[in-house]
C-alpha atoms as a PDB file:
ATOM      1  CA  MET A   1     -10.611 -40.779 -73.325  1.00  0.00           C
ATOM      2  CA  GLN A   2     -11.448 -37.396 -71.864  1.00  0.00           C
ATOM      3  CA  HIS A   3     -11.086 -33.775 -72.783  1.00  0.00           C
ATOM      4  CA  GLY A   4      -8.583 -31.686 -70.845  1.00  0.00           C
ATOM      5  CA  PRO A   5     -10.766 -30.159 -68.103  1.00  0.00           C
ATOM      6  CA  ALA A   6     -12.330 -33.539 -67.192  1.00  0.00           C
ATOM      7  CA  VAL A   7      -8.896 -35.161 -66.975  1.00  0.00           C
ATOM      8  CA  ARG A   8      -7.625 -32.413 -64.714  1.00  0.00           C
ATOM      9  CA  ARG A   9     -10.636 -32.756 -62.374  1.00  0.00           C
ATOM     10  CA  ARG A  10     -10.186 -36.512 -62.149  1.00  0.00           C
ATOM     11  CA  LYS A  11      -6.457 -36.284 -61.522  1.00  0.00           C
ATOM     12  CA  LEU A  12      -6.870 -33.545 -58.945  1.00  0.00           C
ATOM     13  CA  GLY A  13      -9.582 -35.530 -57.164  1.00  0.00           C
ATOM     14  CA  ALA A  14      -7.486 -38.702 -57.116  1.00  0.00           C
ATOM     15  CA  GLU A  15      -4.497 -36.856 -55.645  1.00  0.00           C
ATOM     16  CA  LEU A  16      -6.620 -35.135 -52.996  1.00  0.00           C
ATOM     17  CA  ARG A  17      -8.120 -38.509 -52.058  1.00  0.00           C
ATOM     18  CA  ALA A  18      -4.619 -39.993 -51.724  1.00  0.00           C
ATOM     19  CA  LEU A  19      -3.517 -37.090 -49.520  1.00  0.00           C
ATOM     20  CA  ARG A  20      -6.600 -37.466 -47.314  1.00  0.00           C
ATOM     21  CA  THR A  21      -6.022 -41.208 -46.947  1.00  0.00           C
ATOM     22  CA  ARG A  22      -2.398 -40.571 -46.069  1.00  0.00           C
ATOM     23  CA  THR A  23      -3.477 -38.409 -43.128  1.00  0.00           C
ATOM     24  CA  GLY A  24      -5.837 -41.139 -41.869  1.00  0.00           C
ATOM     25  CA  LEU A  25      -9.002 -39.076 -42.348  1.00  0.00           C
ATOM     26  CA  THR A  26     -12.325 -40.325 -43.665  1.00  0.00           C
ATOM     27  CA  SER A  27     -14.155 -38.151 -46.188  1.00  0.00           C
ATOM     28  CA  GLY A  28     -16.656 -37.246 -43.465  1.00  0.00           C
ATOM     29  CA  GLU A  29     -13.908 -36.173 -41.073  1.00  0.00           C
ATOM     30  CA  ALA A  30     -12.247 -34.108 -43.803  1.00  0.00           C
ATOM     31  CA  ALA A  31     -15.557 -32.430 -44.581  1.00  0.00           C
ATOM     32  CA  ARG A  32     -16.095 -31.485 -40.944  1.00  0.00           C
ATOM     33  CA  LEU A  33     -12.590 -30.014 -40.729  1.00  0.00           C
ATOM     34  CA  VAL A  34     -13.313 -27.563 -43.547  1.00  0.00           C
ATOM     35  CA  GLY A  35     -16.995 -27.017 -42.754  1.00  0.00           C
ATOM     36  CA  TRP A  36     -18.527 -28.864 -45.733  1.00  0.00           C
ATOM     37  CA  HIS A  37     -20.970 -31.661 -46.282  1.00  0.00           C
ATOM     38  CA  GLN A  38     -19.347 -35.058 -46.896  1.00  0.00           C
ATOM     39  CA  SER A  39     -20.933 -35.273 -50.364  1.00  0.00           C
ATOM     40  CA  LYS A  40     -18.887 -32.265 -51.533  1.00  0.00           C
ATOM     41  CA  VAL A  41     -15.628 -34.006 -50.661  1.00  0.00           C
ATOM     42  CA  SER A  42     -16.811 -37.135 -52.477  1.00  0.00           C
ATOM     43  CA  ARG A  43     -17.771 -35.199 -55.631  1.00  0.00           C
ATOM     44  CA  ILE A  44     -14.372 -33.500 -55.688  1.00  0.00           C
ATOM     45  CA  GLU A  45     -12.470 -36.752 -55.186  1.00  0.00           C
ATOM     46  CA  THR A  46     -14.337 -38.551 -57.972  1.00  0.00           C
ATOM     47  CA  GLY A  47     -13.981 -35.625 -60.383  1.00  0.00           C
ATOM     48  CA  ALA A  48     -17.752 -35.337 -60.642  1.00  0.00           C
ATOM     49  CA  SER A  49     -17.595 -31.603 -59.990  1.00  0.00           C
ATOM     50  CA  GLY A  50     -15.070 -28.853 -60.339  1.00  0.00           C
ATOM     51  CA  VAL A  51     -13.367 -27.277 -57.383  1.00  0.00           C
ATOM     52  CA  LYS A  52     -12.241 -23.728 -56.741  1.00  0.00           C
ATOM     53  CA  PRO A  53      -8.578 -23.053 -55.910  1.00  0.00           C
ATOM     54  CA  SER A  54      -9.679 -21.627 -52.549  1.00  0.00           C
ATOM     55  CA  ASP A  55     -11.366 -24.951 -51.703  1.00  0.00           C
ATOM     56  CA  VAL A  56      -8.217 -26.864 -52.704  1.00  0.00           C
ATOM     57  CA  ARG A  57      -6.211 -24.685 -50.317  1.00  0.00           C
ATOM     58  CA  LEU A  58      -8.617 -25.532 -47.487  1.00  0.00           C
ATOM     59  CA  LEU A  59      -8.179 -29.244 -48.129  1.00  0.00           C
ATOM     60  CA  LEU A  60      -4.402 -29.007 -48.459  1.00  0.00           C
ATOM     61  CA  ASP A  61      -4.235 -27.135 -45.157  1.00  0.00           C
ATOM     62  CA  ALA A  62      -6.472 -29.750 -43.536  1.00  0.00           C
ATOM     63  CA  TYR A  63      -4.210 -32.508 -44.867  1.00  0.00           C
ATOM     64  CA  ARG A  64      -1.117 -30.621 -43.650  1.00  0.00           C
ATOM     65  CA  VAL A  65       0.418 -30.412 -47.129  1.00  0.00           C
ATOM     66  CA  SER A  66       3.205 -27.829 -46.893  1.00  0.00           C
ATOM     67  CA  ASP A  67       5.304 -28.710 -49.952  1.00  0.00           C
ATOM     68  CA  PRO A  68       5.055 -25.551 -52.124  1.00  0.00           C
ATOM     69  CA  GLU A  69       5.741 -27.391 -55.380  1.00  0.00           C
ATOM     70  CA  LEU A  70       2.985 -29.928 -54.787  1.00  0.00           C
ATOM     71  CA  ARG A  71       0.546 -27.248 -53.632  1.00  0.00           C
ATOM     72  CA  GLU A  72       1.213 -25.170 -56.734  1.00  0.00           C
ATOM     73  CA  LEU A  73       0.764 -28.157 -59.030  1.00  0.00           C
ATOM     74  CA  LEU A  74      -2.600 -29.073 -57.491  1.00  0.00           C
ATOM     75  CA  LEU A  75      -3.759 -25.468 -57.581  1.00  0.00           C
ATOM     76  CA  MET A  76      -2.840 -25.381 -61.270  1.00  0.00           C
ATOM     77  CA  LEU A  77      -5.078 -28.384 -61.864  1.00  0.00           C
ATOM     78  CA  ALA A  78      -7.883 -26.470 -60.152  1.00  0.00           C
ATOM     79  CA  GLY A  79      -7.340 -23.544 -62.529  1.00  0.00           C
ATOM     80  CA  SER A  80      -5.639 -21.204 -60.092  1.00  0.00           C
ATOM     81  CA  ASP A  81      -5.224 -17.674 -61.451  1.00  0.00           C
ATOM     82  CA  ASP A  82      -2.906 -16.420 -58.749  1.00  0.00           C
ATOM     83  CA  GLY A  83       0.297 -18.150 -59.754  1.00  0.00           C
ATOM     84  CA  ILE A  84       3.402 -16.258 -60.636  1.00  0.00           C
ATOM     85  CA  GLY A  85       5.746 -16.037 -63.584  1.00  0.00           C
ATOM     86  CA  ARG A  86       5.567 -18.395 -66.510  1.00  0.00           C
ATOM     87  CA  HIS A  87       2.762 -20.551 -65.129  1.00  0.00           C
ATOM     88  CA  HIS A  88      -0.090 -18.189 -65.967  1.00  0.00           C
ATOM     89  CA  TRP A  89       1.135 -15.840 -68.669  1.00  0.00           C
ATOM     90  CA  TRP A  90      -1.316 -17.309 -71.202  1.00  0.00           C
ATOM     91  CA  HIS A  91      -4.318 -15.775 -69.409  1.00  0.00           C
ATOM     92  CA  ALA A  92      -3.556 -12.539 -71.260  1.00  0.00           C
ATOM     93  CA  TYR A  93      -4.442 -14.383 -74.497  1.00  0.00           C
ATOM     94  CA  ARG A  94      -7.815 -15.793 -73.418  1.00  0.00           C
ATOM     95  CA  GLY A  95      -9.538 -13.940 -76.254  1.00  0.00           C
ATOM     96  CA  VAL A  96      -7.631 -15.794 -78.984  1.00  0.00           C
ATOM     97  CA  LEU A  97      -6.845 -19.191 -77.426  1.00  0.00           C
ATOM     98  CA  PRO A  98      -9.375 -22.044 -77.536  1.00  0.00           C
ATOM     99  CA  PRO A  99      -9.955 -23.684 -74.114  1.00  0.00           C
ATOM    100  CA  ALA A 100      -8.258 -26.921 -75.251  1.00  0.00           C
ATOM    101  CA  TYR A 101      -5.103 -25.000 -76.182  1.00  0.00           C
ATOM    102  CA  ARG A 102      -5.104 -23.201 -72.823  1.00  0.00           C
ATOM    103  CA  ASP A 103      -5.360 -26.558 -71.070  1.00  0.00           C
ATOM    104  CA  PHE A 104      -2.433 -27.888 -73.090  1.00  0.00           C
ATOM    105  CA  ILE A 105      -0.285 -24.861 -72.223  1.00  0.00           C
ATOM    106  CA  SER A 106      -1.141 -25.093 -68.526  1.00  0.00           C
ATOM    107  CA  LEU A 107      -0.078 -28.740 -68.454  1.00  0.00           C
ATOM    108  CA  GLU A 108       3.080 -27.975 -70.437  1.00  0.00           C
ATOM    109  CA  SER A 109       4.021 -25.163 -68.076  1.00  0.00           C
ATOM    110  CA  GLN A 110       3.851 -27.390 -65.004  1.00  0.00           C
ATOM    111  CA  ALA A 111       5.279 -30.601 -66.464  1.00  0.00           C
ATOM    112  CA  SER A 112       8.797 -31.685 -65.564  1.00  0.00           C
ATOM    113  CA  ALA A 113       9.275 -33.692 -68.769  1.00  0.00           C
ATOM    114  CA  MET A 114       7.709 -33.932 -72.217  1.00  0.00           C
ATOM    115  CA  ARG A 115       8.111 -36.742 -74.726  1.00  0.00           C
ATOM    116  CA  THR A 116       6.764 -36.092 -78.194  1.00  0.00           C
ATOM    117  CA  LEU A 117       6.541 -37.808 -81.554  1.00  0.00           C
ATOM    118  CA  GLU A 118       6.118 -35.392 -84.462  1.00  0.00           C
ATOM    119  CA  THR A 119       5.305 -36.629 -87.953  1.00  0.00           C
ATOM    120  CA  SER A 120       4.521 -33.396 -89.826  1.00  0.00           C
ATOM    121  CA  VAL A 121       5.979 -30.265 -88.222  1.00  0.00           C
ATOM    122  CA  VAL A 122       8.717 -29.208 -85.821  1.00  0.00           C
ATOM    123  CA  PRO A 123       7.505 -29.209 -82.183  1.00  0.00           C
ATOM    124  CA  GLY A 124       6.229 -25.805 -81.105  1.00  0.00           C
ATOM    125  CA  LEU A 125       8.870 -25.515 -78.371  1.00  0.00           C
ATOM    126  CA  LEU A 126      11.618 -25.641 -81.034  1.00  0.00           C
ATOM    127  CA  GLN A 127      10.127 -23.448 -83.771  1.00  0.00           C
ATOM    128  CA  THR A 128      11.652 -20.223 -85.076  1.00  0.00           C
ATOM    129  CA  PRO A 129       9.331 -17.187 -85.323  1.00  0.00           C
ATOM    130  CA  GLU A 130       9.138 -17.412 -89.122  1.00  0.00           C
ATOM    131  CA  TYR A 131       8.415 -21.131 -89.090  1.00  0.00           C
ATOM    132  CA  ALA A 132       5.843 -20.684 -86.320  1.00  0.00           C
ATOM    133  CA  ARG A 133       4.053 -18.032 -88.333  1.00  0.00           C
ATOM    134  CA  ALA A 134       3.920 -20.206 -91.463  1.00  0.00           C
ATOM    135  CA  VAL A 135       2.645 -23.223 -89.512  1.00  0.00           C
ATOM    136  CA  THR A 136       0.067 -21.185 -87.604  1.00  0.00           C
ATOM    137  CA  ARG A 137      -1.250 -19.542 -90.763  1.00  0.00           C
ATOM    138  CA  ALA A 138      -1.672 -22.925 -92.443  1.00  0.00           C
ATOM    139  CA  ALA A 139      -3.063 -24.808 -89.445  1.00  0.00           C
ATOM    140  CA  VAL A 140      -5.764 -22.539 -88.032  1.00  0.00           C
ATOM    141  CA  ARG A 141      -8.993 -22.765 -89.931  1.00  0.00           C
ATOM    142  CA  GLY A 142     -10.162 -19.532 -91.510  1.00  0.00           C
ATOM    143  CA  LEU A 143      -7.046 -17.685 -90.406  1.00  0.00           C
ATOM    144  CA  ARG A 144      -6.455 -16.324 -93.899  1.00  0.00           C
ATOM    145  CA  ASP A 145      -9.618 -14.306 -93.369  1.00  0.00           C
ATOM    146  CA  GLU A 146      -8.626 -13.196 -89.895  1.00  0.00           C
ATOM    147  CA  PRO A 147      -6.830  -9.926 -89.132  1.00  0.00           C
ATOM    148  CA  ASP A 148      -3.041  -9.975 -88.823  1.00  0.00           C
ATOM    149  CA  GLU A 149      -3.393  -9.091 -85.132  1.00  0.00           C
ATOM    150  CA  ARG A 150      -4.876 -12.517 -84.393  1.00  0.00           C
ATOM    151  CA  LEU A 151      -2.116 -14.289 -86.286  1.00  0.00           C
ATOM    152  CA  ASP A 152       0.495 -12.213 -84.446  1.00  0.00           C
ATOM    153  CA  ALA A 153      -1.045 -13.107 -81.077  1.00  0.00           C
ATOM    154  CA  LEU A 154      -1.074 -16.837 -81.825  1.00  0.00           C
ATOM    155  CA  VAL A 155       2.567 -16.739 -82.919  1.00  0.00           C
ATOM    156  CA  GLN A 156       3.490 -14.819 -79.759  1.00  0.00           C
ATOM    157  CA  VAL A 157       1.850 -17.543 -77.691  1.00  0.00           C
ATOM    158  CA  ARG A 158       3.781 -20.267 -79.484  1.00  0.00           C
ATOM    159  CA  LEU A 159       7.073 -18.473 -78.888  1.00  0.00           C
ATOM    160  CA  ALA A 160       6.229 -17.629 -75.263  1.00  0.00           C
ATOM    161  CA  ARG A 161       5.692 -21.336 -74.609  1.00  0.00           C
ATOM    162  CA  GLN A 162       9.388 -21.883 -75.285  1.00  0.00           C
ATOM    163  CA  GLU A 163      10.274 -20.231 -71.981  1.00  0.00           C
ATOM    164  CA  VAL A 164       9.729 -23.615 -70.280  1.00  0.00           C
ATOM    165  CA  LEU A 165      13.039 -24.727 -71.793  1.00  0.00           C
ATOM    166  CA  ARG A 166      14.815 -21.844 -70.069  1.00  0.00           C
ATOM    167  CA  ALA A 167      13.054 -22.072 -66.720  1.00  0.00           C
ATOM    168  CA  ARG A 168      14.695 -23.235 -63.500  1.00  0.00           C
ATOM    169  CA  PRO A 169      14.420 -26.164 -63.553  1.00  0.00           C
ATOM    170  CA  PRO A 170      13.781 -26.418 -67.294  1.00  0.00           C
ATOM    171  CA  LEU A 171      11.333 -28.764 -68.943  1.00  0.00           C
ATOM    172  CA  ARG A 172      13.137 -31.886 -70.172  1.00  0.00           C
ATOM    173  CA  LEU A 173      12.169 -32.369 -73.809  1.00  0.00           C
ATOM    174  CA  SER A 174      12.665 -35.608 -75.737  1.00  0.00           C
ATOM    175  CA  ALA A 175      11.490 -35.376 -79.343  1.00  0.00           C
ATOM    176  CA  VAL A 176      11.403 -38.035 -82.039  1.00  0.00           C
ATOM    177  CA  LEU A 177      10.986 -36.398 -85.450  1.00  0.00           C
ATOM    178  CA  ASP A 178       9.934 -38.295 -88.523  1.00  0.00           C
ATOM    179  CA  GLU A 179      12.232 -37.357 -91.410  1.00  0.00           C
ATOM    180  CA  ALA A 180       9.197 -35.834 -93.152  1.00  0.00           C
ATOM    181  CA  VAL A 181       9.337 -33.047 -90.543  1.00  0.00           C
ATOM    182  CA  LEU A 182      12.794 -32.083 -91.805  1.00  0.00           C
ATOM    183  CA  ARG A 183      12.005 -32.465 -95.512  1.00  0.00           C
ATOM    184  CA  ARG A 184       8.674 -30.628 -95.598  1.00  0.00           C
ATOM    185  CA  GLU A 185       9.441 -27.088 -96.765  1.00  0.00           C
ATOM    186  CA  VAL A 186       7.447 -24.788 -94.506  1.00  0.00           C
ATOM    187  CA  GLY A 187       7.580 -21.072 -95.252  1.00  0.00           C
ATOM    188  CA  GLY A 188      10.080 -21.393 -98.091  1.00  0.00           C
ATOM    189  CA  PRO A 189      13.702 -22.587 -98.314  1.00  0.00           C
ATOM    190  CA  GLU A 190      15.252 -19.796 -96.249  1.00  0.00           C
ATOM    191  CA  VAL A 191      12.752 -20.191 -93.415  1.00  0.00           C
ATOM    192  CA  MET A 192      13.291 -23.939 -93.453  1.00  0.00           C
ATOM    193  CA  GLU A 193      17.061 -23.640 -93.374  1.00  0.00           C
ATOM    194  CA  ARG A 194      16.914 -21.360 -90.335  1.00  0.00           C
ATOM    195  CA  GLN A 195      14.544 -23.807 -88.674  1.00  0.00           C
ATOM    196  CA  LEU A 196      16.914 -26.724 -89.210  1.00  0.00           C
ATOM    197  CA  LEU A 197      19.770 -24.669 -87.801  1.00  0.00           C
ATOM    198  CA  ARG A 198      17.583 -23.909 -84.802  1.00  0.00           C
ATOM    199  CA  LEU A 199      17.126 -27.652 -84.240  1.00  0.00           C
ATOM    200  CA  LEU A 200      20.898 -28.135 -84.296  1.00  0.00           C
ATOM    201  CA  GLU A 201      21.278 -25.356 -81.737  1.00  0.00           C
ATOM    202  CA  ALA A 202      18.514 -26.674 -79.466  1.00  0.00           C
ATOM    203  CA  ALA A 203      19.816 -30.247 -79.587  1.00  0.00           C
ATOM    204  CA  ARG A 204      22.996 -29.124 -77.838  1.00  0.00           C
ATOM    205  CA  LEU A 205      21.045 -28.029 -74.752  1.00  0.00           C
ATOM    206  CA  PRO A 206      21.360 -30.582 -71.925  1.00  0.00           C
ATOM    207  CA  GLN A 207      17.592 -30.617 -71.378  1.00  0.00           C
ATOM    208  CA  VAL A 208      16.756 -31.299 -75.045  1.00  0.00           C
ATOM    209  CA  ARG A 209      17.107 -34.648 -76.818  1.00  0.00           C
ATOM    210  CA  ILE A 210      16.261 -34.826 -80.527  1.00  0.00           C
ATOM    211  CA  GLN A 211      16.213 -38.033 -82.550  1.00  0.00           C
ATOM    212  CA  VAL A 212      15.346 -38.426 -86.215  1.00  0.00           C
ATOM    213  CA  LEU A 213      13.329 -41.361 -87.472  1.00  0.00           C
ATOM    214  CA  PRO A 214      14.679 -41.716 -91.035  1.00  0.00           C
ATOM    215  CA  PHE A 215      12.621 -42.804 -94.031  1.00  0.00           C
ATOM    216  CA  SER A 216      14.789 -45.917 -94.125  1.00  0.00           C
ATOM    217  CA  ALA A 217      13.160 -47.062 -90.859  1.00  0.00           C
ATOM    218  CA  GLY A 218      10.040 -47.849 -92.890  1.00  0.00           C
ATOM    219  CA  ALA A 219       6.680 -48.298 -91.189  1.00  0.00           C
ATOM    220  CA  HIS A 220       6.784 -47.722 -87.427  1.00  0.00           C
ATOM    221  CA  ILE A 221       4.478 -47.754 -84.423  1.00  0.00           C
ATOM    222  CA  GLY A 222       3.972 -43.982 -84.580  1.00  0.00           C
ATOM    223  CA  ILE A 223       2.770 -43.939 -88.166  1.00  0.00           C
ATOM    224  CA  THR A 224      -0.820 -43.380 -87.035  1.00  0.00           C
ATOM    225  CA  GLY A 225      -0.043 -39.910 -85.752  1.00  0.00           C
ATOM    226  CA  PRO A 226       1.824 -37.642 -83.333  1.00  0.00           C
ATOM    227  CA  PHE A 227       1.401 -37.654 -79.573  1.00  0.00           C
ATOM    228  CA  VAL A 228       2.743 -35.990 -76.441  1.00  0.00           C
ATOM    229  CA  ILE A 229       3.421 -37.547 -73.036  1.00  0.00           C
ATOM    230  CA  PHE A 230       3.574 -35.110 -70.115  1.00  0.00           C
ATOM    231  CA  SER A 231       5.261 -36.185 -66.878  1.00  0.00           C
ATOM    232  CA  PHE A 232       4.928 -34.206 -63.673  1.00  0.00           C
ATOM    233  CA  PRO A 233       7.109 -33.744 -60.606  1.00  0.00           C
ATOM    234  CA  ARG A 234       6.343 -35.547 -57.376  1.00  0.00           C
ATOM    235  CA  THR A 235       3.725 -37.969 -58.712  1.00  0.00           C
ATOM    236  CA  SER A 236       3.341 -40.088 -61.842  1.00  0.00           C
ATOM    237  CA  ASP A 237      -0.417 -40.237 -61.185  1.00  0.00           C
ATOM    238  CA  LEU A 238      -0.703 -36.883 -62.947  1.00  0.00           C
ATOM    239  CA  ASP A 239       1.035 -38.039 -66.155  1.00  0.00           C
ATOM    240  CA  VAL A 240      -1.091 -37.747 -69.290  1.00  0.00           C
ATOM    241  CA  VAL A 241      -0.960 -38.450 -73.029  1.00  0.00           C
ATOM    242  CA  VAL A 242      -2.269 -35.804 -75.439  1.00  0.00           C
ATOM    243  CA  LEU A 243      -3.499 -36.590 -78.942  1.00  0.00           C
ATOM    244  CA  ASP A 244      -4.186 -33.654 -81.245  1.00  0.00           C
ATOM    245  CA  HIS A 245      -6.997 -33.654 -83.773  1.00  0.00           C
ATOM    246  CA  MET A 246      -8.208 -31.065 -86.265  1.00  0.00           C
ATOM    247  CA  THR A 247     -10.726 -29.450 -83.923  1.00  0.00           C
ATOM    248  CA  SER A 248      -9.817 -30.734 -80.459  1.00  0.00           C
ATOM    249  CA  SER A 249      -7.358 -32.589 -78.260  1.00  0.00           C
ATOM    250  CA  LEU A 250      -7.933 -35.856 -76.443  1.00  0.00           C
ATOM    251  CA  TYR A 251      -6.284 -36.683 -73.135  1.00  0.00           C
ATOM    252  CA  LEU A 252      -5.518 -40.254 -72.096  1.00  0.00           C
ATOM    253  CA  GLU A 253      -5.044 -40.831 -68.385  1.00  0.00           C
ATOM    254  CA  ARG A 254      -5.608 -44.538 -67.749  1.00  0.00           C
ATOM    255  CA  LYS A 255      -2.548 -46.391 -66.524  1.00  0.00           C
ATOM    256  CA  GLU A 256      -2.730 -48.900 -69.384  1.00  0.00           C
ATOM    257  CA  ASP A 257      -2.906 -46.100 -71.973  1.00  0.00           C
ATOM    258  CA  LEU A 258       0.071 -44.333 -70.454  1.00  0.00           C
ATOM    259  CA  GLU A 259       2.077 -47.549 -70.380  1.00  0.00           C
ATOM    260  CA  ALA A 260       1.219 -48.284 -74.020  1.00  0.00           C
ATOM    261  CA  TYR A 261       2.358 -44.855 -75.218  1.00  0.00           C
ATOM    262  CA  VAL A 262       5.517 -44.888 -73.095  1.00  0.00           C
ATOM    263  CA  GLU A 263       6.356 -48.281 -74.592  1.00  0.00           C
ATOM    264  CA  ALA A 264       5.635 -46.930 -78.081  1.00  0.00           C
ATOM    265  CA  PHE A 265       7.888 -43.924 -77.494  1.00  0.00           C
ATOM    266  CA  ASN A 266      10.704 -46.133 -76.220  1.00  0.00           C
ATOM    267  CA  SER A 267      10.349 -48.278 -79.347  1.00  0.00           C
ATOM    268  CA  LEU A 268      10.486 -45.197 -81.574  1.00  0.00           C
ATOM    269  CA  GLN A 269      13.653 -44.011 -79.837  1.00  0.00           C
ATOM    270  CA  ALA A 270      15.230 -47.428 -80.348  1.00  0.00           C
ATOM    271  CA  HIS A 271      14.482 -47.357 -84.090  1.00  0.00           C
ATOM    272  CA  ALA A 272      15.492 -43.721 -84.548  1.00  0.00           C
ATOM    273  CA  LEU A 273      18.994 -42.441 -85.155  1.00  0.00           C
ATOM    274  CA  SER A 274      21.012 -41.692 -82.036  1.00  0.00           C
ATOM    275  CA  PRO A 275      21.096 -38.031 -80.955  1.00  0.00           C
ATOM    276  CA  GLU A 276      24.586 -37.671 -82.445  1.00  0.00           C
ATOM    277  CA  GLU A 277      23.589 -39.336 -85.711  1.00  0.00           C
ATOM    278  CA  SER A 278      20.462 -37.196 -85.798  1.00  0.00           C
ATOM    279  CA  LEU A 279      22.524 -34.010 -85.597  1.00  0.00           C
ATOM    280  CA  ASP A 280      24.641 -35.221 -88.509  1.00  0.00           C
ATOM    281  CA  HIS A 281      21.507 -36.091 -90.467  1.00  0.00           C
ATOM    282  CA  ILE A 282      19.976 -32.646 -89.936  1.00  0.00           C
ATOM    283  CA  ALA A 283      23.273 -30.947 -90.810  1.00  0.00           C
ATOM    284  CA  GLY A 284      23.429 -33.013 -93.993  1.00  0.00           C
ATOM    285  CA  ILE A 285      19.997 -31.766 -95.042  1.00  0.00           C
ATOM    286  CA  VAL A 286      21.101 -28.180 -94.412  1.00  0.00           C
ATOM    287  CA  ASP A 287      24.185 -28.746 -96.561  1.00  0.00           C
ATOM    288  CA  GLY A 288      22.096 -30.322 -99.302  1.00  0.00           C
ATOM    289  CA  ALA A 289      23.574 -33.791 -98.856  1.00  0.00           C
END
């Protein structure tokens, strides 16, 4: 298990090593091409040290990588600040966002697909402003003593994240929601009703799949807690599982961990209501059934 920055270094290094190998270069030959010592290439490829976006560009040029999507993804992993559009909007909120949250957003912004199990609250990408404010106020430690400006900024970030669902191409979101998510009254009855209606609206988008895991399903494999699986375009080697804790997030990158969580998510989907049945279930809660 690693924290976000370490995972990104390791994944970036592994991909750069694969690209070098594909071109038939040794690490020493690659180093000579860009004017470095061989040990620098080795440290980058093993994730032992960070790497500047400018150095990544040198390597990508040396390896004749011209695909703009792949280049942008690898530069994101290096922490590139010169991206455009939605990929780097969160830098304006550096003063209020913890590093782990910034890492999560950067991964979310570049992912092609996201699978998530939620056991307590509606996923951030599907929250209404009022619901997001209530959740943020309750979740962030000491926030009740913080100025309203900080709360406003954190809510703005949560809502800005939702742009990934409207991007071209959009993020594909598959969410399994424990029924407790729908029954827990967050922000009061009116706020909760609007949130449930928002779920019904979002579920009709072609890129969004929502399934409800009803109480009648009993104990299930996800009962130990929520998780997120990010998948990335072009290479599954960058896929990662994120586990949230009270004060930090843990990132799982090993192949066996990824396979275990993908299998768990598939099992949860099989035990959950179908998307159509889930819509009916949510509508029934709204109607008081």
